[in-house]
Amino acid sequence: MAREAGMDLVEIAAQERPPVCKIMDWGKHKYAQSKKAHQKTHQQKIKELRVRPKTGQADIDTRVNQARKFLEAGDKVLLKVQFRGRELQHIEEGRRIVDGMLEQLQDVCKVESPPRMEQKQMTALLAPKGTGGGATTKPKADKPKQEKPPTPPAGAATSPPAPKPTA
């Protein structure tokens, strides 16, 4: 049967009685196994996102979106707030920025290293929440329900809808 099909007869389980064999293309099977063995797994990298205490909210939102993409791809994210000159007197402003970013990313990350000052910068290290290391699915946000306008009580006078103007 294998010769007629132009394939190979491969013994699967020799210890069984009777022995188990399979008709398959052995060369194709070996090629697929070698490709699977050479397939590169995702190397986790640390992606760094830098902001300053006076960075605008739109730019911070952009950084949050970038961090979300990196975390969903399975990479770690290092948030850095860099202080220069007199900005060091307002460390609480940098802390507010980092806390806001962490709050927005809490659904896709876990905080590996909480925010702390290192010389002239505040850093926080985030790791992806999923334990598989691969891309995690983003949960859908619940949409607020739209309320229906109140219905008039029975017997109340209602005005007919206004006619549409014609041009």
Protein backbone atom coordinates (compact mmCIF):
# COMPACT_ATOMS: atom_id res chain seq x y z
CA MET A 1 0.00 0.00 0.00
CA ALA A 2 2.88 2.42 0.81
CA ARG A 3 4.60 1.73 -2.53
CA GLU A 4 1.35 2.29 -4.42
CA ALA A 5 0.91 5.65 -2.64
CA GLY A 6 4.56 6.57 -3.27
CA MET A 7 5.17 6.98 0.46
CA ASP A 8 7.17 5.27 3.23
CA LEU A 9 6.07 2.66 5.76
CA VAL A 10 7.24 3.87 9.18
CA GLU A 11 7.19 1.67 12.30
CA ILE A 12 5.66 3.68 15.15
CA ALA A 13 5.52 1.22 18.07
CA ALA A 14 7.68 -1.89 17.71
CA GLN A 15 6.90 -3.24 21.21
CA GLU A 16 3.18 -3.61 20.56
CA ARG A 17 1.67 -6.85 19.29
CA PRO A 18 1.08 -6.54 16.36
CA PRO A 19 3.62 -3.73 15.65
CA VAL A 20 2.08 -0.37 14.74
CA CYS A 21 3.10 1.16 11.39
CA LYS A 22 2.10 4.30 9.56
CA ILE A 23 2.17 5.24 5.88
CA MET A 24 3.76 8.70 5.55
CA ASP A 25 6.31 10.78 3.65
CA TRP A 26 9.38 10.32 5.88
CA GLY A 27 11.44 13.09 4.25
CA LYS A 28 8.64 15.62 4.68
CA HIS A 29 8.22 14.54 8.32
CA LYS A 30 11.97 14.99 9.09
CA TYR A 31 12.00 18.40 7.37
CA ALA A 32 9.03 19.59 9.45
CA GLN A 33 10.73 18.39 12.66
CA SER A 34 13.96 20.22 11.84
CA LYS A 35 12.06 23.44 11.07
CA LYS A 36 10.17 23.17 14.37
CA ALA A 37 13.43 22.66 16.30
CA HIS A 38 15.05 25.72 14.69
CA GLN A 39 12.05 27.95 15.25
CA LYS A 40 13.21 30.88 17.38
CA THR A 41 11.43 31.48 20.64
CA HIS A 42 10.69 35.03 21.80
CA GLN A 43 13.65 36.54 23.64
CA GLN A 44 12.33 38.79 26.39
CA LYS A 45 13.87 42.25 26.15
CA ILE A 46 13.73 45.31 28.37
CA LYS A 47 12.21 48.27 26.55
CA GLU A 48 12.94 51.69 28.02
CA LEU A 49 10.45 54.56 27.93
CA ARG A 50 11.69 58.00 29.02
CA VAL A 51 9.63 61.02 29.99
CA ARG A 52 10.32 64.28 31.83
CA PRO A 53 8.29 65.89 34.64
CA LYS A 54 6.94 68.54 32.25
CA THR A 55 5.94 66.08 29.52
CA GLY A 56 2.42 66.76 28.23
CA GLN A 57 -0.49 64.40 28.83
CA ALA A 58 -0.84 63.52 25.11
CA ASP A 59 2.80 62.41 24.98
CA ILE A 60 2.38 60.38 28.16
CA ASP A 61 -0.65 58.66 26.62
CA THR A 62 1.49 57.80 23.59
CA ARG A 63 4.13 56.29 25.89
CA VAL A 64 1.44 54.29 27.70
CA ASN A 65 0.23 52.88 24.36
CA GLN A 66 3.81 51.94 23.43
CA ALA A 67 4.31 50.26 26.80
CA ARG A 68 1.06 48.33 26.34
CA LYS A 69 2.27 47.01 22.95
CA PHE A 70 5.63 45.99 24.42
CA LEU A 71 3.99 44.22 27.38
CA GLU A 72 1.50 42.40 25.14
CA ALA A 73 4.44 41.23 23.00
CA GLY A 74 6.00 39.71 26.14
CA ASP A 75 8.76 42.28 26.79
CA LYS A 76 9.56 44.05 30.05
CA VAL A 77 9.23 47.83 30.23
CA LEU A 78 11.47 50.21 32.17
CA LEU A 79 9.74 53.54 32.85
CA LYS A 80 12.16 56.41 33.44
CA VAL A 81 11.39 59.96 34.49
CA GLN A 82 14.49 62.11 34.02
CA PHE A 83 14.98 65.20 36.14
CA ARG A 84 17.25 68.11 35.19
CA GLY A 85 18.31 71.11 37.21
CA ARG A 86 15.54 72.57 39.34
CA GLU A 87 13.17 69.76 38.38
CA LEU A 88 14.82 67.74 41.18
CA GLN A 89 12.96 69.95 43.67
CA HIS A 90 9.65 68.59 42.31
CA ILE A 91 10.08 64.84 42.53
CA GLU A 92 6.39 64.48 43.40
CA GLU A 93 5.54 65.60 39.84
CA GLY A 94 7.57 62.69 38.42
CA ARG A 95 5.97 60.34 40.91
CA ARG A 96 2.51 61.49 39.77
CA ILE A 97 3.42 60.72 36.15
CA VAL A 98 4.73 57.22 36.98
CA ASP A 99 1.71 56.43 39.18
CA GLY A 100 -0.65 57.53 36.39
CA MET A 101 1.13 55.35 33.85
CA LEU A 102 1.06 52.35 36.22
CA GLU A 103 -2.65 52.85 36.81
CA GLN A 104 -3.36 52.85 33.06
CA LEU A 105 -1.23 49.70 32.53
CA GLN A 106 -2.38 47.68 35.53
CA ASP A 107 -4.52 45.34 33.37
CA VAL A 108 -1.52 44.12 31.28
CA CYS A 109 1.42 44.32 33.69
CA LYS A 110 2.70 43.56 37.13
CA VAL A 111 5.14 45.87 38.86
CA GLU A 112 8.45 44.07 39.21
CA SER A 113 10.28 47.02 40.74
CA PRO A 114 8.28 49.89 42.28
CA PRO A 115 9.17 53.51 41.41
CA ARG A 116 12.37 54.66 43.12
CA MET A 117 14.88 57.45 42.71
CA GLU A 118 18.30 56.61 41.26
CA GLN A 119 20.47 59.74 41.09
CA LYS A 120 18.60 62.14 38.75
CA GLN A 121 15.96 59.72 37.51
CA MET A 122 12.99 57.79 38.82
CA THR A 123 12.63 54.24 37.49
CA ALA A 124 10.00 51.51 37.64
CA LEU A 125 10.26 48.06 36.02
CA LEU A 126 7.12 46.40 34.63
CA ALA A 127 6.71 42.79 33.52
CA PRO A 128 3.92 41.29 31.41
CA LYS A 129 1.08 39.80 33.43
CA GLY A 130 0.67 36.64 31.31
CA THR A 131 2.82 33.74 32.53
CA GLY A 132 3.07 32.24 29.04
CA GLY A 133 5.54 34.91 27.92
CA GLY A 134 3.74 35.37 24.61
CA ALA A 135 1.23 37.94 23.57
CA THR A 136 -1.67 38.31 25.93
CA THR A 137 -5.13 39.21 24.84
CA LYS A 138 -6.41 42.60 25.84
CA PRO A 139 -9.67 42.40 27.79
CA LYS A 140 -12.52 44.33 26.27
CA ALA A 141 -13.61 47.37 28.22
CA ASP A 142 -17.21 47.40 29.34
CA LYS A 143 -19.17 50.04 27.50
CA PRO A 144 -21.49 52.12 29.65
CA LYS A 145 -25.12 51.38 29.02
CA GLN A 146 -27.04 54.16 27.36
CA GLU A 147 -30.15 55.10 29.23
CA LYS A 148 -33.44 55.32 27.38
CA PRO A 149 -35.30 58.61 27.62
CA PRO A 150 -38.13 58.44 30.14
CA THR A 151 -41.49 57.50 28.69
CA PRO A 152 -44.37 59.89 29.34
CA PRO A 153 -47.13 58.61 31.62
CA ALA A 154 -50.25 57.16 30.02
CA GLY A 155 -52.80 59.78 29.00
CA ALA A 156 -50.22 62.57 28.78
CA ALA A 157 -50.40 64.74 25.73
CA THR A 158 -47.53 64.22 23.32
CA SER A 159 -46.68 66.49 20.49
CA PRO A 160 -46.28 64.97 17.02
CA PRO A 161 -42.76 64.91 15.58
CA ALA A 162 -41.75 68.09 13.76
CA PRO A 163 -41.92 67.82 9.96
CA LYS A 164 -38.60 67.71 8.12
CA PRO A 165 -37.82 70.80 6.07
CA THR A 166 -37.65 70.26 2.32
CA ALA A 167 -35.12 72.01 0.19
